[in-house]
Amino acid sequence: MIIGVALGGKLATGWAIGRLTQLSKRASLRLGVALIPRGEFSILLASLAPAPLLDLTVILVLVLALLGPVLMRWSE
């Protein structure tokens, strides 16, 4: 569930910014997909949290990093 929320949030953010800046629907989709594999800052913040949260964050970032290129290819 957390992965879905993170993926959807990044995709929606990129889509919204793309549409607000008058990009095409396709370009907006690619912008949203390009945001998916980003997560370095999440690991930095999670390092300040309890161990279970750090583990969850690392898994989340890893899954999104692996999904990002696949979804980018799909969005072409």
PDB file of N, CA and C in Angstrom:
ATOM      1  N   MET A   1       0.824  -1.187   0.000  1.00  0.00           N
ATOM      2  CA  MET A   1       0.000   0.000   0.000  1.00  0.00           C
ATOM      3  C   MET A   1       0.872   1.256   0.000  1.00  0.00           C
ATOM      4  N   ILE A   2       1.929   1.241   0.807  1.00  0.00           N
ATOM      5  CA  ILE A   2       2.797   2.412   0.882  1.00  0.00           C
ATOM      6  C   ILE A   2       3.476   2.664  -0.460  1.00  0.00           C
ATOM      7  N   ILE A   3       3.878   1.598  -1.131  1.00  0.00           N
ATOM      8  CA  ILE A   3       4.521   1.749  -2.437  1.00  0.00           C
ATOM      9  C   ILE A   3       3.543   2.365  -3.433  1.00  0.00           C
ATOM     10  N   GLY A   4       2.300   1.911  -3.403  1.00  0.00           N
ATOM     11  CA  GLY A   4       1.284   2.463  -4.296  1.00  0.00           C
ATOM     12  C   GLY A   4       1.028   3.936  -4.048  1.00  0.00           C
ATOM     13  N   VAL A   5       0.977   4.323  -2.791  1.00  0.00           N
ATOM     14  CA  VAL A   5       0.754   5.730  -2.440  1.00  0.00           C
ATOM     15  C   VAL A   5       1.945   6.577  -2.891  1.00  0.00           C
ATOM     16  N   ALA A   6       3.153   6.099  -2.645  1.00  0.00           N
ATOM     17  CA  ALA A   6       4.349   6.841  -3.055  1.00  0.00           C
ATOM     18  C   ALA A   6       4.411   6.968  -4.574  1.00  0.00           C
ATOM     19  N   LEU A   7       4.159   5.871  -5.265  1.00  0.00           N
ATOM     20  CA  LEU A   7       4.184   5.871  -6.724  1.00  0.00           C
ATOM     21  C   LEU A   7       3.113   6.813  -7.273  1.00  0.00           C
ATOM     22  N   GLY A   8       1.902   6.693  -6.749  1.00  0.00           N
ATOM     23  CA  GLY A   8       0.808   7.545  -7.210  1.00  0.00           C
ATOM     24  C   GLY A   8       1.043   9.014  -6.913  1.00  0.00           C
ATOM     25  N   GLY A   9       1.605   9.294  -5.746  1.00  0.00           N
ATOM     26  CA  GLY A   9       1.879  10.680  -5.373  1.00  0.00           C
ATOM     27  C   GLY A   9       2.905  11.330  -6.277  1.00  0.00           C
ATOM     28  N   LYS A  10       3.962  10.610  -6.573  1.00  0.00           N
ATOM     29  CA  LYS A  10       4.993  11.152  -7.456  1.00  0.00           C
ATOM     30  C   LYS A  10       4.452  11.330  -8.871  1.00  0.00           C
ATOM     31  N   LEU A  11       3.710  10.348  -9.338  1.00  0.00           N
ATOM     32  CA  LEU A  11       3.128  10.424 -10.675  1.00  0.00           C
ATOM     33  C   LEU A  11       2.149  11.594 -10.774  1.00  0.00           C
ATOM     34  N   ALA A  12       1.288  11.739  -9.774  1.00  0.00           N
ATOM     35  CA  ALA A  12       0.296  12.821  -9.771  1.00  0.00           C
ATOM     36  C   ALA A  12       0.965  14.192  -9.688  1.00  0.00           C
ATOM     37  N   THR A  13       2.013  14.299  -8.891  1.00  0.00           N
ATOM     38  CA  THR A  13       2.724  15.573  -8.767  1.00  0.00           C
ATOM     39  C   THR A  13       3.339  15.979 -10.100  1.00  0.00           C
ATOM     40  N   GLY A  14       4.028  15.058 -10.736  1.00  0.00           N
ATOM     41  CA  GLY A  14       4.628  15.352 -12.038  1.00  0.00           C
ATOM     42  C   GLY A  14       3.588  15.689 -13.091  1.00  0.00           C
ATOM     43  N   TRP A  15       2.497  14.925 -13.093  1.00  0.00           N
ATOM     44  CA  TRP A  15       1.406  15.170 -14.039  1.00  0.00           C
ATOM     45  C   TRP A  15       0.833  16.577 -13.839  1.00  0.00           C
ATOM     46  N   ALA A  16       0.546  16.931 -12.590  1.00  0.00           N
ATOM     47  CA  ALA A  16      -0.057  18.232 -12.289  1.00  0.00           C
ATOM     48  C   ALA A  16       0.877  19.378 -12.681  1.00  0.00           C
ATOM     49  N   ILE A  17       2.147  19.249 -12.351  1.00  0.00           N
ATOM     50  CA  ILE A  17       3.104  20.301 -12.707  1.00  0.00           C
ATOM     51  C   ILE A  17       3.226  20.416 -14.221  1.00  0.00           C
ATOM     52  N   GLY A  18       3.256  19.285 -14.893  1.00  0.00           N
ATOM     53  CA  GLY A  18       3.320  19.306 -16.352  1.00  0.00           C
ATOM     54  C   GLY A  18       2.118  19.988 -16.978  1.00  0.00           C
ATOM     55  N   ARG A  19       0.948  19.684 -16.475  1.00  0.00           N
ATOM     56  CA  ARG A  19      -0.265  20.295 -17.036  1.00  0.00           C
ATOM     57  C   ARG A  19      -0.340  21.786 -16.695  1.00  0.00           C
ATOM     58  N   LEU A  20       0.105  22.160 -15.481  1.00  0.00           N
ATOM     59  CA  LEU A  20       0.102  23.576 -15.096  1.00  0.00           C
ATOM     60  C   LEU A  20       1.068  24.392 -15.942  1.00  0.00           C
ATOM     61  N   THR A  21       2.129  23.767 -16.410  1.00  0.00           N
ATOM     62  CA  THR A  21       3.096  24.459 -17.263  1.00  0.00           C
ATOM     63  C   THR A  21       2.802  24.235 -18.743  1.00  0.00           C
ATOM     64  N   GLN A  22       1.614  23.756 -19.025  1.00  0.00           N
ATOM     65  CA  GLN A  22       1.083  23.586 -20.379  1.00  0.00           C
ATOM     66  C   GLN A  22       1.847  22.565 -21.217  1.00  0.00           C
ATOM     67  N   LEU A  23       2.386  21.543 -20.567  1.00  0.00           N
ATOM     68  CA  LEU A  23       2.956  20.429 -21.319  1.00  0.00           C
ATOM     69  C   LEU A  23       1.818  19.567 -21.851  1.00  0.00           C
ATOM     70  N   SER A  24       2.100  18.787 -22.874  1.00  0.00           N
ATOM     71  CA  SER A  24       1.090  17.866 -23.394  1.00  0.00           C
ATOM     72  C   SER A  24       0.806  16.792 -22.346  1.00  0.00           C
ATOM     73  N   LYS A  25      -0.278  16.059 -22.551  1.00  0.00           N
ATOM     74  CA  LYS A  25      -0.610  14.980 -21.615  1.00  0.00           C
ATOM     75  C   LYS A  25       0.502  13.940 -21.575  1.00  0.00           C
ATOM     76  N   ARG A  26       1.044  13.613 -22.728  1.00  0.00           N
ATOM     77  CA  ARG A  26       2.115  12.613 -22.800  1.00  0.00           C
ATOM     78  C   ARG A  26       3.380  13.108 -22.088  1.00  0.00           C
ATOM     79  N   ALA A  27       3.745  14.365 -22.319  1.00  0.00           N
ATOM     80  CA  ALA A  27       4.930  14.928 -21.660  1.00  0.00           C
ATOM     81  C   ALA A  27       4.710  15.025 -20.152  1.00  0.00           C
ATOM     82  N   SER A  28       3.499  15.336 -19.737  1.00  0.00           N
ATOM     83  CA  SER A  28       3.178  15.394 -18.309  1.00  0.00           C
ATOM     84  C   SER A  28       3.298  14.017 -17.673  1.00  0.00           C
ATOM     85  N   LEU A  29       2.849  12.996 -18.384  1.00  0.00           N
ATOM     86  CA  LEU A  29       2.981  11.627 -17.890  1.00  0.00           C
ATOM     87  C   LEU A  29       4.454  11.262 -17.729  1.00  0.00           C
ATOM     88  N   ARG A  30       5.260  11.600 -18.715  1.00  0.00           N
ATOM     89  CA  ARG A  30       6.695  11.293 -18.634  1.00  0.00           C
ATOM     90  C   ARG A  30       7.360  12.048 -17.485  1.00  0.00           C
ATOM     91  N   LEU A  31       6.927  13.266 -17.236  1.00  0.00           N
ATOM     92  CA  LEU A  31       7.462  14.022 -16.110  1.00  0.00           C
ATOM     93  C   LEU A  31       7.126  13.324 -14.795  1.00  0.00           C
ATOM     94  N   GLY A  32       5.888  12.890 -14.655  1.00  0.00           N
ATOM     95  CA  GLY A  32       5.487  12.166 -13.450  1.00  0.00           C
ATOM     96  C   GLY A  32       6.260  10.876 -13.274  1.00  0.00           C
ATOM     97  N   VAL A  33       6.436  10.135 -14.351  1.00  0.00           N
ATOM     98  CA  VAL A  33       7.177   8.870 -14.293  1.00  0.00           C
ATOM     99  C   VAL A  33       8.646   9.130 -13.958  1.00  0.00           C
ATOM    100  N   ALA A  34       9.197  10.234 -14.447  1.00  0.00           N
ATOM    101  CA  ALA A  34      10.600  10.553 -14.169  1.00  0.00           C
ATOM    102  C   ALA A  34      10.845  10.809 -12.684  1.00  0.00           C
ATOM    103  N   LEU A  35       9.825  11.198 -11.950  1.00  0.00           N
ATOM    104  CA  LEU A  35       9.980  11.451 -10.511  1.00  0.00           C
ATOM    105  C   LEU A  35       9.986  10.173  -9.679  1.00  0.00           C
ATOM    106  N   ILE A  36       9.504   9.080 -10.223  1.00  0.00           N
ATOM    107  CA  ILE A  36       9.321   7.849  -9.442  1.00  0.00           C
ATOM    108  C   ILE A  36      10.609   7.315  -8.823  1.00  0.00           C
ATOM    109  N   PRO A  37      11.727   7.196  -9.541  1.00  0.00           N
ATOM    110  CA  PRO A  37      12.892   6.561  -8.907  1.00  0.00           C
ATOM    111  C   PRO A  37      13.659   7.443  -7.929  1.00  0.00           C
ATOM    112  N   ARG A  38      13.238   8.655  -7.679  1.00  0.00           N
ATOM    113  CA  ARG A  38      13.949   9.545  -6.759  1.00  0.00           C
ATOM    114  C   ARG A  38      13.605   9.197  -5.319  1.00  0.00           C
ATOM    115  N   GLY A  39      14.601   9.162  -4.436  1.00  0.00           N
ATOM    116  CA  GLY A  39      14.307   8.841  -3.049  1.00  0.00           C
ATOM    117  C   GLY A  39      15.478   8.988  -2.100  1.00  0.00           C
ATOM    118  N   GLU A  40      16.553   9.601  -2.565  1.00  0.00           N
ATOM    119  CA  GLU A  40      17.737   9.717  -1.723  1.00  0.00           C
ATOM    120  C   GLU A  40      17.440  10.499  -0.447  1.00  0.00           C
ATOM    121  N   PHE A  41      16.654  11.543  -0.560  1.00  0.00           N
ATOM    122  CA  PHE A  41      16.329  12.373   0.604  1.00  0.00           C
ATOM    123  C   PHE A  41      15.490  11.593   1.605  1.00  0.00           C
ATOM    124  N   SER A  42      14.655  10.694   1.119  1.00  0.00           N
ATOM    125  CA  SER A  42      13.842   9.854   2.011  1.00  0.00           C
ATOM    126  C   SER A  42      14.727   8.991   2.901  1.00  0.00           C
ATOM    127  N   ILE A  43      15.786   8.449   2.338  1.00  0.00           N
ATOM    128  CA  ILE A  43      16.705   7.621   3.125  1.00  0.00           C
ATOM    129  C   ILE A  43      17.411   8.476   4.174  1.00  0.00           C
ATOM    130  N   LEU A  44      17.799   9.678   3.793  1.00  0.00           N
ATOM    131  CA  LEU A  44      18.456  10.575   4.741  1.00  0.00           C
ATOM    132  C   LEU A  44      17.542  10.886   5.924  1.00  0.00           C
ATOM    133  N   LEU A  45      16.291  11.223   5.648  1.00  0.00           N
ATOM    134  CA  LEU A  45      15.346  11.517   6.728  1.00  0.00           C
ATOM    135  C   LEU A  45      15.038  10.280   7.557  1.00  0.00           C
ATOM    136  N   ALA A  46      14.900   9.148   6.919  1.00  0.00           N
ATOM    137  CA  ALA A  46      14.571   7.912   7.638  1.00  0.00           C
ATOM    138  C   ALA A  46      15.714   7.465   8.540  1.00  0.00           C
ATOM    139  N   SER A  47      16.922   7.883   8.232  1.00  0.00           N
ATOM    140  CA  SER A  47      18.052   7.500   9.087  1.00  0.00           C
ATOM    141  C   SER A  47      17.930   8.113  10.477  1.00  0.00           C
ATOM    142  N   LEU A  48      17.103   9.122  10.615  1.00  0.00           N
ATOM    143  CA  LEU A  48      16.867   9.745  11.918  1.00  0.00           C
ATOM    144  C   LEU A  48      15.736   9.066  12.676  1.00  0.00           C
ATOM    145  N   ALA A  49      15.032   8.161  12.030  1.00  0.00           N
ATOM    146  CA  ALA A  49      13.859   7.494  12.611  1.00  0.00           C
ATOM    147  C   ALA A  49      14.250   6.130  13.185  1.00  0.00           C
ATOM    148  N   PRO A  50      13.309   5.473  13.875  1.00  0.00           N
ATOM    149  CA  PRO A  50      13.572   4.118  14.390  1.00  0.00           C
ATOM    150  C   PRO A  50      13.907   3.137  13.254  1.00  0.00           C
ATOM    151  N   ALA A  51      14.624   2.071  13.597  1.00  0.00           N
ATOM    152  CA  ALA A  51      15.108   1.091  12.615  1.00  0.00           C
ATOM    153  C   ALA A  51      14.022   0.527  11.696  1.00  0.00           C
ATOM    154  N   PRO A  52      12.834   0.157  12.208  1.00  0.00           N
ATOM    155  CA  PRO A  52      11.824  -0.391  11.288  1.00  0.00           C
ATOM    156  C   PRO A  52      11.423   0.592  10.184  1.00  0.00           C
ATOM    157  N   LEU A  53      11.391   1.867  10.503  1.00  0.00           N
ATOM    158  CA  LEU A  53      11.041   2.863   9.492  1.00  0.00           C
ATOM    159  C   LEU A  53      12.156   2.999   8.460  1.00  0.00           C
ATOM    160  N   LEU A  54      13.384   2.908   8.907  1.00  0.00           N
ATOM    161  CA  LEU A  54      14.509   2.959   7.972  1.00  0.00           C
ATOM    162  C   LEU A  54      14.459   1.773   7.016  1.00  0.00           C
ATOM    163  N   ASP A  55      14.186   0.587   7.545  1.00  0.00           N
ATOM    164  CA  ASP A  55      14.076  -0.607   6.697  1.00  0.00           C
ATOM    165  C   ASP A  55      12.980  -0.439   5.657  1.00  0.00           C
ATOM    166  N   LEU A  56      11.825   0.046   6.084  1.00  0.00           N
ATOM    167  CA  LEU A  56      10.701   0.260   5.171  1.00  0.00           C
ATOM    168  C   LEU A  56      11.063   1.281   4.096  1.00  0.00           C
ATOM    169  N   THR A  57      11.741   2.338   4.487  1.00  0.00           N
ATOM    170  CA  THR A  57      12.120   3.374   3.534  1.00  0.00           C
ATOM    171  C   THR A  57      13.108   2.845   2.501  1.00  0.00           C
ATOM    172  N   VAL A  58      14.064   2.068   2.938  1.00  0.00           N
ATOM    173  CA  VAL A  58      15.045   1.501   2.004  1.00  0.00           C
ATOM    174  C   VAL A  58      14.350   0.581   1.002  1.00  0.00           C
ATOM    175  N   ILE A  59      13.424  -0.234   1.477  1.00  0.00           N
ATOM    176  CA  ILE A  59      12.672  -1.116   0.577  1.00  0.00           C
ATOM    177  C   ILE A  59      11.861  -0.292  -0.413  1.00  0.00           C
ATOM    178  N   LEU A  60      11.194   0.746   0.079  1.00  0.00           N
ATOM    179  CA  LEU A  60      10.387   1.609  -0.781  1.00  0.00           C
ATOM    180  C   LEU A  60      11.246   2.247  -1.867  1.00  0.00           C
ATOM    181  N   VAL A  61      12.362   2.819  -1.491  1.00  0.00           N
ATOM    182  CA  VAL A  61      13.241   3.478  -2.461  1.00  0.00           C
ATOM    183  C   VAL A  61      13.785   2.470  -3.472  1.00  0.00           C
ATOM    184  N   LEU A  62      14.143   1.288  -3.010  1.00  0.00           N
ATOM    185  CA  LEU A  62      14.657   0.254  -3.910  1.00  0.00           C
ATOM    186  C   LEU A  62      13.605  -0.173  -4.931  1.00  0.00           C
ATOM    187  N   VAL A  63      12.386  -0.424  -4.468  1.00  0.00           N
ATOM    188  CA  VAL A  63      11.309  -0.834  -5.385  1.00  0.00           C
ATOM    189  C   VAL A  63      11.024   0.271  -6.396  1.00  0.00           C
ATOM    190  N   LEU A  64      10.940   1.517  -5.932  1.00  0.00           N
ATOM    191  CA  LEU A  64      10.664   2.617  -6.850  1.00  0.00           C
ATOM    192  C   LEU A  64      11.824   2.831  -7.823  1.00  0.00           C
ATOM    193  N   ALA A  65      13.050   2.624  -7.366  1.00  0.00           N
ATOM    194  CA  ALA A  65      14.206   2.757  -8.261  1.00  0.00           C
ATOM    195  C   ALA A  65      14.173   1.695  -9.358  1.00  0.00           C
ATOM    196  N   LEU A  66      13.692   0.516  -9.032  1.00  0.00           N
ATOM    197  CA  LEU A  66      13.592  -0.552 -10.033  1.00  0.00           C
ATOM    198  C   LEU A  66      12.403  -0.339 -10.969  1.00  0.00           C
ATOM    199  N   LEU A  67      11.307   0.183 -10.444  1.00  0.00           N
ATOM    200  CA  LEU A  67      10.120   0.412 -11.269  1.00  0.00           C
ATOM    201  C   LEU A  67      10.267   1.614 -12.197  1.00  0.00           C
ATOM    202  N   GLY A  68      11.025   2.609 -11.782  1.00  0.00           N
ATOM    203  CA  GLY A  68      11.157   3.845 -12.551  1.00  0.00           C
ATOM    204  C   GLY A  68      11.540   3.645 -14.002  1.00  0.00           C
ATOM    205  N   PRO A  69      12.642   2.967 -14.290  1.00  0.00           N
ATOM    206  CA  PRO A  69      13.033   2.775 -15.689  1.00  0.00           C
ATOM    207  C   PRO A  69      12.016   1.962 -16.499  1.00  0.00           C
ATOM    208  N   VAL A  70      11.398   0.989 -15.868  1.00  0.00           N
ATOM    209  CA  VAL A  70      10.385   0.179 -16.559  1.00  0.00           C
ATOM    210  C   VAL A  70       9.199   1.061 -16.948  1.00  0.00           C
ATOM    211  N   LEU A  71       8.736   1.871 -16.012  1.00  0.00           N
ATOM    212  CA  LEU A  71       7.602   2.749 -16.297  1.00  0.00           C
ATOM    213  C   LEU A  71       7.979   3.853 -17.279  1.00  0.00           C
ATOM    214  N   MET A  72       9.221   4.314 -17.245  1.00  0.00           N
ATOM    215  CA  MET A  72       9.660   5.334 -18.198  1.00  0.00           C
ATOM    216  C   MET A  72       9.607   4.780 -19.618  1.00  0.00           C
ATOM    217  N   ARG A  73      10.033   3.544 -19.781  1.00  0.00           N
ATOM    218  CA  ARG A  73       9.971   2.915 -21.103  1.00  0.00           C
ATOM    219  C   ARG A  73       8.511   2.764 -21.545  1.00  0.00           C
ATOM    220  N   TRP A  74       7.638   2.384 -20.618  1.00  0.00           N
ATOM    221  CA  TRP A  74       6.214   2.227 -20.914  1.00  0.00           C
ATOM    222  C   TRP A  74       5.585   3.551 -21.330  1.00  0.00           C
ATOM    223  N   SER A  75       6.047   4.658 -20.757  1.00  0.00           N
ATOM    224  CA  SER A  75       5.417   5.953 -21.020  1.00  0.00           C
ATOM    225  C   SER A  75       5.823   6.557 -22.357  1.00  0.00           C
ATOM    226  N   GLU A  76       6.771   5.946 -23.056  1.00  0.00           N
ATOM    227  CA  GLU A  76       7.219   6.492 -24.346  1.00  0.00           C
ATOM    228  C   GLU A  76       6.165   6.388 -25.408  1.00  0.00           C
TER     229      GLU A  76
END
